[in-house]
Amino acid sequence: MKKAEVGNIIEFREGLRGVVEKVNENSVIVDLTYMDNYRDLELDQRTVVNHKNYKVIKESAI
């Protein structure tokens, strides 16, 4: 499995997507405001996702 890097877009938990803001040893911190329907879902702005529970959708251009 490929670990995400800062700026990557990942998908996790049944279709939620976000931008990786920080990479930790066992998890990443993800900004969920990337999704168009973020406000409709009534989610917190950021969440923590374990490396085992996501898939990299788009790599950062940086």
PDB file of N, CA and C in Angstrom:
ATOM      1  N   MET A   1       0.836  -1.186   0.000  1.00  0.00           N
ATOM      2  CA  MET A   1       0.000   0.000   0.000  1.00  0.00           C
ATOM      3  C   MET A   1       0.886   1.256   0.000  1.00  0.00           C
ATOM      4  N   LYS A   2       0.492   2.220  -0.775  1.00  0.00           N
ATOM      5  CA  LYS A   2       1.254   3.461  -0.879  1.00  0.00           C
ATOM      6  C   LYS A   2       0.772   4.464   0.155  1.00  0.00           C
ATOM      7  N   LYS A   3       1.721   5.036   0.897  1.00  0.00           N
ATOM      8  CA  LYS A   3       1.392   6.070   1.883  1.00  0.00           C
ATOM      9  C   LYS A   3       1.152   7.391   1.168  1.00  0.00           C
ATOM     10  N   ALA A   4       0.175   8.119   1.658  1.00  0.00           N
ATOM     11  CA  ALA A   4      -0.125   9.442   1.104  1.00  0.00           C
ATOM     12  C   ALA A   4       0.942  10.442   1.536  1.00  0.00           C
ATOM     13  N   GLU A   5       1.042  11.516   0.769  1.00  0.00           N
ATOM     14  CA  GLU A   5       1.932  12.622   1.096  1.00  0.00           C
ATOM     15  C   GLU A   5       1.099  13.887   1.208  1.00  0.00           C
ATOM     16  N   VAL A   6       1.667  14.920   1.812  1.00  0.00           N
ATOM     17  CA  VAL A   6       0.969  16.188   1.962  1.00  0.00           C
ATOM     18  C   VAL A   6       0.550  16.690   0.581  1.00  0.00           C
ATOM     19  N   GLY A   7      -0.713  17.085   0.461  1.00  0.00           N
ATOM     20  CA  GLY A   7      -1.247  17.593  -0.797  1.00  0.00           C
ATOM     21  C   GLY A   7      -1.983  16.553  -1.620  1.00  0.00           C
ATOM     22  N   ASN A   8      -1.803  15.258  -1.304  1.00  0.00           N
ATOM     23  CA  ASN A   8      -2.517  14.207  -2.026  1.00  0.00           C
ATOM     24  C   ASN A   8      -3.998  14.256  -1.690  1.00  0.00           C
ATOM     25  N   ILE A   9      -4.810  13.799  -2.628  1.00  0.00           N
ATOM     26  CA  ILE A   9      -6.239  13.641  -2.382  1.00  0.00           C
ATOM     27  C   ILE A   9      -6.470  12.165  -2.133  1.00  0.00           C
ATOM     28  N   ILE A  10      -7.139  11.863  -1.022  1.00  0.00           N
ATOM     29  CA  ILE A  10      -7.398  10.463  -0.678  1.00  0.00           C
ATOM     30  C   ILE A  10      -8.898  10.223  -0.570  1.00  0.00           C
ATOM     31  N   GLU A  11      -9.266   8.956  -0.692  1.00  0.00           N
ATOM     32  CA  GLU A  11     -10.655   8.534  -0.516  1.00  0.00           C
ATOM     33  C   GLU A  11     -10.691   7.513   0.610  1.00  0.00           C
ATOM     34  N   PHE A  12     -11.695   7.619   1.455  1.00  0.00           N
ATOM     35  CA  PHE A  12     -11.819   6.718   2.596  1.00  0.00           C
ATOM     36  C   PHE A  12     -13.284   6.600   2.982  1.00  0.00           C
ATOM     37  N   ARG A  13     -13.583   5.678   3.822  1.00  0.00           N
ATOM     38  CA  ARG A  13     -14.904   5.459   4.398  1.00  0.00           C
ATOM     39  C   ARG A  13     -16.065   5.771   3.446  1.00  0.00           C
ATOM     40  N   GLU A  14     -16.307   4.871   2.524  1.00  0.00           N
ATOM     41  CA  GLU A  14     -17.466   4.928   1.632  1.00  0.00           C
ATOM     42  C   GLU A  14     -17.563   6.213   0.814  1.00  0.00           C
ATOM     43  N   GLY A  15     -16.473   6.638   0.211  1.00  0.00           N
ATOM     44  CA  GLY A  15     -16.531   7.735  -0.734  1.00  0.00           C
ATOM     45  C   GLY A  15     -16.169   9.121  -0.245  1.00  0.00           C
ATOM     46  N   LEU A  16     -15.839   9.282   1.030  1.00  0.00           N
ATOM     47  CA  LEU A  16     -15.406  10.593   1.491  1.00  0.00           C
ATOM     48  C   LEU A  16     -14.026  10.882   0.917  1.00  0.00           C
ATOM     49  N   ARG A  17     -13.797  12.139   0.538  1.00  0.00           N
ATOM     50  CA  ARG A  17     -12.504  12.531  -0.019  1.00  0.00           C
ATOM     51  C   ARG A  17     -11.989  13.774   0.681  1.00  0.00           C
ATOM     52  N   GLY A  18     -10.671  13.909   0.706  1.00  0.00           N
ATOM     53  CA  GLY A  18     -10.068  15.072   1.323  1.00  0.00           C
ATOM     54  C   GLY A  18      -8.618  15.227   0.926  1.00  0.00           C
ATOM     55  N   VAL A  19      -8.043  16.371   1.308  1.00  0.00           N
ATOM     56  CA  VAL A  19      -6.656  16.691   1.002  1.00  0.00           C
ATOM     57  C   VAL A  19      -5.807  16.433   2.248  1.00  0.00           C
ATOM     58  N   VAL A  20      -4.724  15.705   2.092  1.00  0.00           N
ATOM     59  CA  VAL A  20      -3.828  15.389   3.203  1.00  0.00           C
ATOM     60  C   VAL A  20      -3.087  16.654   3.626  1.00  0.00           C
ATOM     61  N   GLU A  21      -3.200  17.002   4.910  1.00  0.00           N
ATOM     62  CA  GLU A  21      -2.509  18.171   5.448  1.00  0.00           C
ATOM     63  C   GLU A  21      -1.251  17.805   6.216  1.00  0.00           C
ATOM     64  N   LYS A  22      -1.264  16.623   6.848  1.00  0.00           N
ATOM     65  CA  LYS A  22      -0.114  16.200   7.640  1.00  0.00           C
ATOM     66  C   LYS A  22      -0.044  14.680   7.631  1.00  0.00           C
ATOM     67  N   VAL A  23       1.175  14.166   7.554  1.00  0.00           N
ATOM     68  CA  VAL A  23       1.395  12.721   7.583  1.00  0.00           C
ATOM     69  C   VAL A  23       2.050  12.366   8.910  1.00  0.00           C
ATOM     70  N   ASN A  24       1.406  11.492   9.661  1.00  0.00           N
ATOM     71  CA  ASN A  24       1.945  10.998  10.924  1.00  0.00           C
ATOM     72  C   ASN A  24       2.445   9.565  10.724  1.00  0.00           C
ATOM     73  N   GLU A  25       2.995   8.975  11.760  1.00  0.00           N
ATOM     74  CA  GLU A  25       3.542   7.621  11.660  1.00  0.00           C
ATOM     75  C   GLU A  25       2.482   6.596  11.254  1.00  0.00           C
ATOM     76  N   ASN A  26       1.301   6.668  11.860  1.00  0.00           N
ATOM     77  CA  ASN A  26       0.258   5.676  11.611  1.00  0.00           C
ATOM     78  C   ASN A  26      -0.982   6.228  10.923  1.00  0.00           C
ATOM     79  N   SER A  27      -1.004   7.529  10.634  1.00  0.00           N
ATOM     80  CA  SER A  27      -2.215   8.131  10.095  1.00  0.00           C
ATOM     81  C   SER A  27      -1.917   9.429   9.352  1.00  0.00           C
ATOM     82  N   VAL A  28      -2.959   9.969   8.726  1.00  0.00           N
ATOM     83  CA  VAL A  28      -2.859  11.270   8.071  1.00  0.00           C
ATOM     84  C   VAL A  28      -3.978  12.167   8.604  1.00  0.00           C
ATOM     85  N   ILE A  29      -3.748  13.466   8.583  1.00  0.00           N
ATOM     86  CA  ILE A  29      -4.780  14.441   8.920  1.00  0.00           C
ATOM     87  C   ILE A  29      -5.285  14.987   7.597  1.00  0.00           C
ATOM     88  N   VAL A  30      -6.616  14.948   7.426  1.00  0.00           N
ATOM     89  CA  VAL A  30      -7.232  15.248   6.140  1.00  0.00           C
ATOM     90  C   VAL A  30      -8.190  16.427   6.258  1.00  0.00           C
ATOM     91  N   ASP A  31      -8.107  17.354   5.305  1.00  0.00           N
ATOM     92  CA  ASP A  31      -9.023  18.485   5.207  1.00  0.00           C
ATOM     93  C   ASP A  31     -10.193  18.062   4.325  1.00  0.00           C
ATOM     94  N   LEU A  32     -11.390  18.013   4.899  1.00  0.00           N
ATOM     95  CA  LEU A  32     -12.566  17.530   4.180  1.00  0.00           C
ATOM     96  C   LEU A  32     -13.272  18.603   3.372  1.00  0.00           C
ATOM     97  N   THR A  33     -12.873  19.853   3.501  1.00  0.00           N
ATOM     98  CA  THR A  33     -13.549  20.928   2.774  1.00  0.00           C
ATOM     99  C   THR A  33     -13.299  20.829   1.267  1.00  0.00           C
ATOM    100  N   TYR A  34     -12.474  19.916   0.834  1.00  0.00           N
ATOM    101  CA  TYR A  34     -12.226  19.657  -0.582  1.00  0.00           C
ATOM    102  C   TYR A  34     -13.507  19.212  -1.291  1.00  0.00           C
ATOM    103  N   MET A  35     -14.374  18.484  -0.573  1.00  0.00           N
ATOM    104  CA  MET A  35     -15.598  17.951  -1.174  1.00  0.00           C
ATOM    105  C   MET A  35     -16.619  19.065  -1.392  1.00  0.00           C
ATOM    106  N   ASP A  36     -17.288  19.021  -2.560  1.00  0.00           N
ATOM    107  CA  ASP A  36     -18.309  20.024  -2.869  1.00  0.00           C
ATOM    108  C   ASP A  36     -19.471  19.988  -1.879  1.00  0.00           C
ATOM    109  N   ASN A  37     -19.832  18.797  -1.411  1.00  0.00           N
ATOM    110  CA  ASN A  37     -20.973  18.655  -0.503  1.00  0.00           C
ATOM    111  C   ASN A  37     -20.564  18.626   0.969  1.00  0.00           C
ATOM    112  N   TYR A  38     -19.404  19.162   1.288  1.00  0.00           N
ATOM    113  CA  TYR A  38     -18.889  19.160   2.660  1.00  0.00           C
ATOM    114  C   TYR A  38     -19.900  19.729   3.666  1.00  0.00           C
ATOM    115  N   ARG A  39     -20.477  20.869   3.378  1.00  0.00           N
ATOM    116  CA  ARG A  39     -21.421  21.507   4.315  1.00  0.00           C
ATOM    117  C   ARG A  39     -22.693  20.673   4.488  1.00  0.00           C
ATOM    118  N   ASP A  40     -23.160  20.045   3.430  1.00  0.00           N
ATOM    119  CA  ASP A  40     -24.372  19.226   3.497  1.00  0.00           C
ATOM    120  C   ASP A  40     -24.187  18.002   4.393  1.00  0.00           C
ATOM    121  N   LEU A  41     -22.977  17.492   4.465  1.00  0.00           N
ATOM    122  CA  LEU A  41     -22.708  16.281   5.251  1.00  0.00           C
ATOM    123  C   LEU A  41     -22.549  16.566   6.740  1.00  0.00           C
ATOM    124  N   GLU A  42     -22.411  17.835   7.096  1.00  0.00           N
ATOM    125  CA  GLU A  42     -22.268  18.249   8.495  1.00  0.00           C
ATOM    126  C   GLU A  42     -21.118  17.520   9.195  1.00  0.00           C
ATOM    127  N   LEU A  43     -19.965  17.551   8.555  1.00  0.00           N
ATOM    128  CA  LEU A  43     -18.761  16.924   9.102  1.00  0.00           C
ATOM    129  C   LEU A  43     -17.844  17.994   9.682  1.00  0.00           C
ATOM    130  N   ASP A  44     -16.923  17.559  10.547  1.00  0.00           N
ATOM    131  CA  ASP A  44     -15.878  18.460  11.013  1.00  0.00           C
ATOM    132  C   ASP A  44     -14.982  18.803   9.824  1.00  0.00           C
ATOM    133  N   GLN A  45     -14.244  19.901   9.942  1.00  0.00           N
ATOM    134  CA  GLN A  45     -13.385  20.341   8.842  1.00  0.00           C
ATOM    135  C   GLN A  45     -12.239  19.373   8.586  1.00  0.00           C
ATOM    136  N   ARG A  46     -11.699  18.783   9.640  1.00  0.00           N
ATOM    137  CA  ARG A  46     -10.569  17.859   9.514  1.00  0.00           C
ATOM    138  C   ARG A  46     -10.887  16.545  10.230  1.00  0.00           C
ATOM    139  N   THR A  47     -10.189  15.499   9.789  1.00  0.00           N
ATOM    140  CA  THR A  47     -10.314  14.206  10.446  1.00  0.00           C
ATOM    141  C   THR A  47      -8.991  13.459  10.331  1.00  0.00           C
ATOM    142  N   VAL A  48      -8.839  12.418  11.132  1.00  0.00           N
ATOM    143  CA  VAL A  48      -7.644  11.577  11.123  1.00  0.00           C
ATOM    144  C   VAL A  48      -8.023  10.234  10.504  1.00  0.00           C
ATOM    145  N   VAL A  49      -7.189   9.757   9.581  1.00  0.00           N
ATOM    146  CA  VAL A  49      -7.447   8.488   8.911  1.00  0.00           C
ATOM    147  C   VAL A  49      -6.194   7.626   8.982  1.00  0.00           C
ATOM    148  N   ASN A  50      -6.349   6.391   9.435  1.00  0.00           N
ATOM    149  CA  ASN A  50      -5.246   5.441   9.511  1.00  0.00           C
ATOM    150  C   ASN A  50      -4.762   5.090   8.107  1.00  0.00           C
ATOM    151  N   HIS A  51      -3.471   4.836   7.965  1.00  0.00           N
ATOM    152  CA  HIS A  51      -2.898   4.518   6.665  1.00  0.00           C
ATOM    153  C   HIS A  51      -3.563   3.304   6.015  1.00  0.00           C
ATOM    154  N   LYS A  52      -4.099   2.384   6.807  1.00  0.00           N
ATOM    155  CA  LYS A  52      -4.733   1.184   6.266  1.00  0.00           C
ATOM    156  C   LYS A  52      -6.123   1.465   5.695  1.00  0.00           C
ATOM    157  N   ASN A  53      -6.670   2.657   5.970  1.00  0.00           N
ATOM    158  CA  ASN A  53      -8.081   2.905   5.655  1.00  0.00           C
ATOM    159  C   ASN A  53      -8.334   3.918   4.550  1.00  0.00           C
ATOM    160  N   TYR A  54      -7.363   4.163   3.683  1.00  0.00           N
ATOM    161  CA  TYR A  54      -7.599   5.096   2.583  1.00  0.00           C
ATOM    162  C   TYR A  54      -6.912   4.631   1.312  1.00  0.00           C
ATOM    163  N   LYS A  55      -7.278   5.289   0.217  1.00  0.00           N
ATOM    164  CA  LYS A  55      -6.659   5.037  -1.080  1.00  0.00           C
ATOM    165  C   LYS A  55      -6.304   6.391  -1.683  1.00  0.00           C
ATOM    166  N   VAL A  56      -5.085   6.523  -2.206  1.00  0.00           N
ATOM    167  CA  VAL A  56      -4.667   7.778  -2.849  1.00  0.00           C
ATOM    168  C   VAL A  56      -5.375   7.880  -4.184  1.00  0.00           C
ATOM    169  N   ILE A  57      -6.126   8.974  -4.381  1.00  0.00           N
ATOM    170  CA  ILE A  57      -6.868   9.214  -5.614  1.00  0.00           C
ATOM    171  C   ILE A  57      -6.046  10.062  -6.581  1.00  0.00           C
ATOM    172  N   LYS A  58      -5.418  11.110  -6.061  1.00  0.00           N
ATOM    173  CA  LYS A  58      -4.640  12.013  -6.908  1.00  0.00           C
ATOM    174  C   LYS A  58      -3.409  12.465  -6.126  1.00  0.00           C
ATOM    175  N   GLU A  59      -2.260  12.360  -6.754  1.00  0.00           N
ATOM    176  CA  GLU A  59      -1.024  12.771  -6.096  1.00  0.00           C
ATOM    177  C   GLU A  59      -0.815  14.268  -6.246  1.00  0.00           C
ATOM    178  N   SER A  60      -0.135  14.835  -5.295  1.00  0.00           N
ATOM    179  CA  SER A  60       0.165  16.263  -5.297  1.00  0.00           C
ATOM    180  C   SER A  60       1.102  16.599  -6.447  1.00  0.00           C
ATOM    181  N   ALA A  61       0.922  17.776  -7.012  1.00  0.00           N
ATOM    182  CA  ALA A  61       1.783  18.212  -8.112  1.00  0.00           C
ATOM    183  C   ALA A  61       3.083  18.818  -7.595  1.00  0.00           C
ATOM    184  N   ILE A  62       3.219  18.930  -6.295  1.00  0.00           N
ATOM    185  CA  ILE A  62       4.396  19.559  -5.676  1.00  0.00           C
ATOM    186  C   ILE A  62       5.565  18.606  -5.685  1.00  0.00           C
TER     187      ILE A  62
END
